[in-house]
């Protein structure tokens, strides 16, 4: 895998996780069942952590995470 392929894979993963944050934020807001809200809140926090990790990877590889 060359550097450009790696860069694209990291950026696609970051975009995917950022999209997941939006989905879980919406799900938590819309939840009427407390158990589901709690479960989705956990997923939201995990997905936010994934975003942080991938942003850290971008920094290490000197990739603009907003590209």
PDB file of N, CA and C in Angstrom:
ATOM      1  N   UNK A   1       0.851  -1.167   0.000  1.00  0.00           N
ATOM      2  CA  UNK A   1       0.000   0.000   0.000  1.00  0.00           C
ATOM      3  C   UNK A   1       0.900   1.234   0.000  1.00  0.00           C
ATOM      4  N   UNK A   2       0.658   2.138  -0.921  1.00  0.00           N
ATOM      5  CA  UNK A   2       1.469   3.353  -0.954  1.00  0.00           C
ATOM      6  C   UNK A   2       0.864   4.419  -0.042  1.00  0.00           C
ATOM      7  N   UNK A   3       1.587   5.496   0.129  1.00  0.00           N
ATOM      8  CA  UNK A   3       1.178   6.553   1.062  1.00  0.00           C
ATOM      9  C   UNK A   3      -0.169   7.164   0.683  1.00  0.00           C
ATOM     10  N   UNK A   4      -0.436   7.361  -0.575  1.00  0.00           N
ATOM     11  CA  UNK A   4      -1.705   7.955  -1.010  1.00  0.00           C
ATOM     12  C   UNK A   4      -2.879   7.030  -0.685  1.00  0.00           C
ATOM     13  N   UNK A   5      -2.687   5.744  -0.878  1.00  0.00           N
ATOM     14  CA  UNK A   5      -3.743   4.787  -0.537  1.00  0.00           C
ATOM     15  C   UNK A   5      -4.012   4.797   0.966  1.00  0.00           C
ATOM     16  N   UNK A   6      -2.936   4.835   1.743  1.00  0.00           N
ATOM     17  CA  UNK A   6      -3.071   4.886   3.196  1.00  0.00           C
ATOM     18  C   UNK A   6      -3.803   6.152   3.618  1.00  0.00           C
ATOM     19  N   UNK A   7      -3.419   7.258   3.040  1.00  0.00           N
ATOM     20  CA  UNK A   7      -4.061   8.539   3.345  1.00  0.00           C
ATOM     21  C   UNK A   7      -5.558   8.474   3.053  1.00  0.00           C
ATOM     22  N   UNK A   8      -5.914   7.952   1.895  1.00  0.00           N
ATOM     23  CA  UNK A   8      -7.326   7.874   1.519  1.00  0.00           C
ATOM     24  C   UNK A   8      -8.097   6.942   2.458  1.00  0.00           C
ATOM     25  N   UNK A   9      -7.488   5.841   2.841  1.00  0.00           N
ATOM     26  CA  UNK A   9      -8.133   4.909   3.760  1.00  0.00           C
ATOM     27  C   UNK A   9      -8.385   5.569   5.118  1.00  0.00           C
ATOM     28  N   UNK A  10      -7.408   6.282   5.618  1.00  0.00           N
ATOM     29  CA  UNK A  10      -7.557   6.972   6.906  1.00  0.00           C
ATOM     30  C   UNK A  10      -8.643   8.035   6.811  1.00  0.00           C
ATOM     31  N   UNK A  11      -8.635   8.822   5.753  1.00  0.00           N
ATOM     32  CA  UNK A  11      -9.640   9.877   5.595  1.00  0.00           C
ATOM     33  C   UNK A  11     -11.046   9.306   5.419  1.00  0.00           C
ATOM     34  N   UNK A  12     -11.160   8.206   4.697  1.00  0.00           N
ATOM     35  CA  UNK A  12     -12.470   7.569   4.534  1.00  0.00           C
ATOM     36  C   UNK A  12     -12.970   7.020   5.870  1.00  0.00           C
ATOM     37  N   UNK A  13     -12.074   6.450   6.641  1.00  0.00           N
ATOM     38  CA  UNK A  13     -12.443   5.933   7.957  1.00  0.00           C
ATOM     39  C   UNK A  13     -12.896   7.068   8.872  1.00  0.00           C
ATOM     40  N   UNK A  14     -12.185   8.173   8.821  1.00  0.00           N
ATOM     41  CA  UNK A  14     -12.549   9.328   9.629  1.00  0.00           C
ATOM     42  C   UNK A  14     -13.920   9.862   9.219  1.00  0.00           C
ATOM     43  N   UNK A  15     -14.155   9.960   7.933  1.00  0.00           N
ATOM     44  CA  UNK A  15     -15.455  10.435   7.441  1.00  0.00           C
ATOM     45  C   UNK A  15     -16.576   9.500   7.895  1.00  0.00           C
ATOM     46  N   UNK A  16     -16.323   8.205   7.829  1.00  0.00           N
ATOM     47  CA  UNK A  16     -17.304   7.212   8.259  1.00  0.00           C
ATOM     48  C   UNK A  16     -17.629   7.384   9.746  1.00  0.00           C
ATOM     49  N   UNK A  17     -16.623   7.518  10.568  1.00  0.00           N
ATOM     50  CA  UNK A  17     -16.838   7.660  12.010  1.00  0.00           C
ATOM     51  C   UNK A  17     -17.534   8.985  12.339  1.00  0.00           C
ATOM     52  N   UNK A  18     -17.174  10.044  11.648  1.00  0.00           N
ATOM     53  CA  UNK A  18     -17.855  11.326  11.874  1.00  0.00           C
ATOM     54  C   UNK A  18     -19.333  11.223  11.509  1.00  0.00           C
ATOM     55  N   UNK A  19     -19.621  10.499  10.447  1.00  0.00           N
ATOM     56  CA  UNK A  19     -21.014  10.261  10.084  1.00  0.00           C
ATOM     57  C   UNK A  19     -21.736   9.469  11.160  1.00  0.00           C
ATOM     58  N   UNK A  20     -21.039   8.499  11.733  1.00  0.00           N
ATOM     59  CA  UNK A  20     -21.607   7.704  12.820  1.00  0.00           C
ATOM     60  C   UNK A  20     -21.950   8.551  14.029  1.00  0.00           C
ATOM     61  N   UNK A  21     -21.107   9.532  14.332  1.00  0.00           N
ATOM     62  CA  UNK A  21     -21.394  10.439  15.446  1.00  0.00           C
ATOM     63  C   UNK A  21     -22.719  11.148  15.195  1.00  0.00           C
ATOM     64  N   UNK A  22     -22.913  11.639  13.988  1.00  0.00           N
ATOM     65  CA  UNK A  22     -24.163  12.343  13.671  1.00  0.00           C
ATOM     66  C   UNK A  22     -25.372  11.413  13.794  1.00  0.00           C
ATOM     67  N   UNK A  23     -25.218  10.185  13.326  1.00  0.00           N
ATOM     68  CA  UNK A  23     -26.314   9.220  13.419  1.00  0.00           C
ATOM     69  C   UNK A  23     -26.672   8.953  14.881  1.00  0.00           C
ATOM     70  N   UNK A  24     -25.661   8.679  15.703  1.00  0.00           N
ATOM     71  CA  UNK A  24     -25.937   8.382  17.112  1.00  0.00           C
ATOM     72  C   UNK A  24     -26.446   9.600  17.870  1.00  0.00           C
ATOM     73  N   UNK A  25     -25.957  10.787  17.542  1.00  0.00           N
ATOM     74  CA  UNK A  25     -26.503  11.990  18.182  1.00  0.00           C
ATOM     75  C   UNK A  25     -27.996  12.113  17.895  1.00  0.00           C
ATOM     76  N   UNK A  26     -28.363  11.900  16.652  1.00  0.00           N
ATOM     77  CA  UNK A  26     -29.768  11.975  16.265  1.00  0.00           C
ATOM     78  C   UNK A  26     -30.580  10.882  16.950  1.00  0.00           C
ATOM     79  N   UNK A  27     -30.034   9.676  17.001  1.00  0.00           N
ATOM     80  CA  UNK A  27     -30.729   8.551  17.628  1.00  0.00           C
ATOM     81  C   UNK A  27     -30.962   8.812  19.114  1.00  0.00           C
ATOM     82  N   UNK A  28     -29.947   9.328  19.795  1.00  0.00           N
ATOM     83  CA  UNK A  28     -30.080   9.603  21.225  1.00  0.00           C
ATOM     84  C   UNK A  28     -31.155  10.664  21.457  1.00  0.00           C
ATOM     85  N   UNK A  29     -31.155  11.696  20.641  1.00  0.00           N
ATOM     86  CA  UNK A  29     -32.162  12.757  20.778  1.00  0.00           C
ATOM     87  C   UNK A  29     -33.574  12.224  20.548  1.00  0.00           C
ATOM     88  N   UNK A  30     -33.721  11.296  19.620  1.00  0.00           N
ATOM     89  CA  UNK A  30     -35.044  10.810  19.245  1.00  0.00           C
ATOM     90  C   UNK A  30     -35.531   9.636  20.098  1.00  0.00           C
ATOM     91  N   UNK A  31     -34.645   9.045  20.865  1.00  0.00           N
ATOM     92  CA  UNK A  31     -34.999   7.836  21.615  1.00  0.00           C
ATOM     93  C   UNK A  31     -36.096   8.121  22.637  1.00  0.00           C
ATOM     94  N   UNK A  32     -37.094   7.246  22.654  1.00  0.00           N
ATOM     95  CA  UNK A  32     -38.143   7.338  23.668  1.00  0.00           C
ATOM     96  C   UNK A  32     -37.981   6.226  24.703  1.00  0.00           C
ATOM     97  N   UNK A  33     -37.202   5.235  24.370  1.00  0.00           N
ATOM     98  CA  UNK A  33     -36.939   4.119  25.261  1.00  0.00           C
ATOM     99  C   UNK A  33     -35.619   4.389  25.994  1.00  0.00           C
ATOM    100  N   UNK A  34     -35.678   4.394  27.321  1.00  0.00           N
ATOM    101  CA  UNK A  34     -34.488   4.712  28.117  1.00  0.00           C
ATOM    102  C   UNK A  34     -33.346   3.725  27.893  1.00  0.00           C
ATOM    103  N   UNK A  35     -33.674   2.445  27.733  1.00  0.00           N
ATOM    104  CA  UNK A  35     -32.626   1.444  27.508  1.00  0.00           C
ATOM    105  C   UNK A  35     -31.901   1.695  26.189  1.00  0.00           C
ATOM    106  N   UNK A  36     -32.678   2.012  25.153  1.00  0.00           N
ATOM    107  CA  UNK A  36     -32.060   2.313  23.857  1.00  0.00           C
ATOM    108  C   UNK A  36     -31.233   3.587  23.932  1.00  0.00           C
ATOM    109  N   UNK A  37     -31.765   4.594  24.608  1.00  0.00           N
ATOM    110  CA  UNK A  37     -31.016   5.847  24.739  1.00  0.00           C
ATOM    111  C   UNK A  37     -29.667   5.589  25.408  1.00  0.00           C
ATOM    112  N   UNK A  38     -29.678   4.769  26.449  1.00  0.00           N
ATOM    113  CA  UNK A  38     -28.442   4.448  27.166  1.00  0.00           C
ATOM    114  C   UNK A  38     -27.465   3.693  26.257  1.00  0.00           C
ATOM    115  N   UNK A  39     -27.973   2.711  25.532  1.00  0.00           N
ATOM    116  CA  UNK A  39     -27.126   1.932  24.631  1.00  0.00           C
ATOM    117  C   UNK A  39     -26.533   2.815  23.530  1.00  0.00           C
ATOM    118  N   UNK A  40     -27.385   3.636  22.930  1.00  0.00           N
ATOM    119  CA  UNK A  40     -26.918   4.501  21.844  1.00  0.00           C
ATOM    120  C   UNK A  40     -25.959   5.568  22.357  1.00  0.00           C
ATOM    121  N   UNK A  41     -26.136   5.997  23.594  1.00  0.00           N
ATOM    122  CA  UNK A  41     -25.202   6.957  24.185  1.00  0.00           C
ATOM    123  C   UNK A  41     -23.815   6.323  24.324  1.00  0.00           C
ATOM    124  N   UNK A  42     -23.784   5.060  24.710  1.00  0.00           N
ATOM    125  CA  UNK A  42     -22.504   4.347  24.788  1.00  0.00           C
ATOM    126  C   UNK A  42     -21.853   4.264  23.411  1.00  0.00           C
ATOM    127  N   UNK A  43     -22.649   3.917  22.396  1.00  0.00           N
ATOM    128  CA  UNK A  43     -22.117   3.841  21.035  1.00  0.00           C
ATOM    129  C   UNK A  43     -21.622   5.202  20.565  1.00  0.00           C
ATOM    130  N   UNK A  44     -22.348   6.238  20.931  1.00  0.00           N
ATOM    131  CA  UNK A  44     -21.950   7.600  20.557  1.00  0.00           C
ATOM    132  C   UNK A  44     -20.584   7.925  21.149  1.00  0.00           C
ATOM    133  N   UNK A  45     -20.391   7.631  22.415  1.00  0.00           N
ATOM    134  CA  UNK A  45     -19.108   7.915  23.055  1.00  0.00           C
ATOM    135  C   UNK A  45     -17.977   7.099  22.423  1.00  0.00           C
ATOM    136  N   UNK A  46     -18.249   5.839  22.103  1.00  0.00           N
ATOM    137  CA  UNK A  46     -17.241   5.009  21.446  1.00  0.00           C
ATOM    138  C   UNK A  46     -16.874   5.583  20.076  1.00  0.00           C
ATOM    139  N   UNK A  47     -17.886   6.019  19.351  1.00  0.00           N
ATOM    140  CA  UNK A  47     -17.651   6.548  18.010  1.00  0.00           C
ATOM    141  C   UNK A  47     -16.911   7.876  18.081  1.00  0.00           C
ATOM    142  N   UNK A  48     -17.231   8.694  19.060  1.00  0.00           N
ATOM    143  CA  UNK A  48     -16.468   9.945  19.259  1.00  0.00           C
ATOM    144  C   UNK A  48     -15.005   9.630  19.555  1.00  0.00           C
ATOM    145  N   UNK A  49     -14.770   8.584  20.317  1.00  0.00           N
ATOM    146  CA  UNK A  49     -13.393   8.172  20.619  1.00  0.00           C
ATOM    147  C   UNK A  49     -12.684   7.710  19.351  1.00  0.00           C
ATOM    148  N   UNK A  50     -13.391   7.010  18.487  1.00  0.00           N
ATOM    149  CA  UNK A  50     -12.798   6.598  17.218  1.00  0.00           C
ATOM    150  C   UNK A  50     -12.382   7.814  16.390  1.00  0.00           C
ATOM    151  N   UNK A  51     -13.218   8.845  16.406  1.00  0.00           N
ATOM    152  CA  UNK A  51     -12.885  10.079  15.682  1.00  0.00           C
ATOM    153  C   UNK A  51     -11.604  10.682  16.256  1.00  0.00           C
ATOM    154  N   UNK A  52     -11.511  10.747  17.575  1.00  0.00           N
ATOM    155  CA  UNK A  52     -10.301  11.294  18.204  1.00  0.00           C
ATOM    156  C   UNK A  52      -9.064  10.499  17.810  1.00  0.00           C
ATOM    157  N   UNK A  53      -9.188   9.184  17.823  1.00  0.00           N
ATOM    158  CA  UNK A  53      -8.050   8.335  17.475  1.00  0.00           C
ATOM    159  C   UNK A  53      -7.632   8.583  16.030  1.00  0.00           C
ATOM    160  N   UNK A  54      -8.596   8.609  15.124  1.00  0.00           N
ATOM    161  CA  UNK A  54      -8.266   8.812  13.711  1.00  0.00           C
ATOM    162  C   UNK A  54      -7.699  10.209  13.463  1.00  0.00           C
ATOM    163  N   UNK A  55      -8.192  11.207  14.190  1.00  0.00           N
ATOM    164  CA  UNK A  55      -7.602  12.540  14.067  1.00  0.00           C
ATOM    165  C   UNK A  55      -6.158  12.532  14.549  1.00  0.00           C
ATOM    166  N   UNK A  56      -5.873  11.739  15.581  1.00  0.00           N
ATOM    167  CA  UNK A  56      -4.499  11.582  16.053  1.00  0.00           C
ATOM    168  C   UNK A  56      -3.624  10.888  15.018  1.00  0.00           C
ATOM    169  N   UNK A  57      -4.173   9.899  14.347  1.00  0.00           N
ATOM    170  CA  UNK A  57      -3.449   9.207  13.279  1.00  0.00           C
ATOM    171  C   UNK A  57      -3.132  10.196  12.162  1.00  0.00           C
ATOM    172  N   UNK A  58      -4.119  11.021  11.819  1.00  0.00           N
ATOM    173  CA  UNK A  58      -3.888  12.045  10.783  1.00  0.00           C
ATOM    174  C   UNK A  58      -2.728  12.956  11.179  1.00  0.00           C
ATOM    175  N   UNK A  59      -2.729  13.362  12.426  1.00  0.00           N
ATOM    176  CA  UNK A  59      -1.663  14.255  12.891  1.00  0.00           C
ATOM    177  C   UNK A  59      -0.290  13.573  12.768  1.00  0.00           C
ATOM    178  N   UNK A  60      -0.234  12.300  13.187  1.00  0.00           N
ATOM    179  CA  UNK A  60       1.041  11.575  13.118  1.00  0.00           C
ATOM    180  C   UNK A  60       1.545  11.418  11.679  1.00  0.00           C
ATOM    181  N   UNK A  61       0.634  11.228  10.749  1.00  0.00           N
ATOM    182  CA  UNK A  61       1.007  11.036   9.356  1.00  0.00           C
ATOM    183  C   UNK A  61       1.001  12.362   8.568  1.00  0.00           C
ATOM    184  N   UNK A  62       0.783  13.450   9.305  1.00  0.00           N
ATOM    185  CA  UNK A  62       0.746  14.790   8.698  1.00  0.00           C
ATOM    186  C   UNK A  62      -0.288  14.855   7.561  1.00  0.00           C
ATOM    187  N   UNK A  63      -1.491  14.395   7.883  1.00  0.00           N
ATOM    188  CA  UNK A  63      -2.614  14.420   6.952  1.00  0.00           C
ATOM    189  C   UNK A  63      -3.614  15.443   7.489  1.00  0.00           C
ATOM    190  N   UNK A  64      -4.114  16.285   6.623  1.00  0.00           N
ATOM    191  CA  UNK A  64      -5.137  17.256   7.006  1.00  0.00           C
ATOM    192  C   UNK A  64      -6.458  16.505   7.197  1.00  0.00           C
ATOM    193  N   UNK A  65      -6.991  16.425   8.419  1.00  0.00           N
ATOM    194  CA  UNK A  65      -8.215  15.668   8.635  1.00  0.00           C
ATOM    195  C   UNK A  65      -9.450  16.294   8.005  1.00  0.00           C
ATOM    196  N   UNK A  66      -9.313  17.515   7.553  1.00  0.00           N
ATOM    197  CA  UNK A  66     -10.440  18.205   6.897  1.00  0.00           C
ATOM    198  C   UNK A  66     -10.386  18.081   5.388  1.00  0.00           C
ATOM    199  N   UNK A  67      -9.378  17.412   4.884  1.00  0.00           N
ATOM    200  CA  UNK A  67      -9.212  17.268   3.429  1.00  0.00           C
ATOM    201  C   UNK A  67     -10.335  16.468   2.811  1.00  0.00           C
TER     202      UNK A  67
END
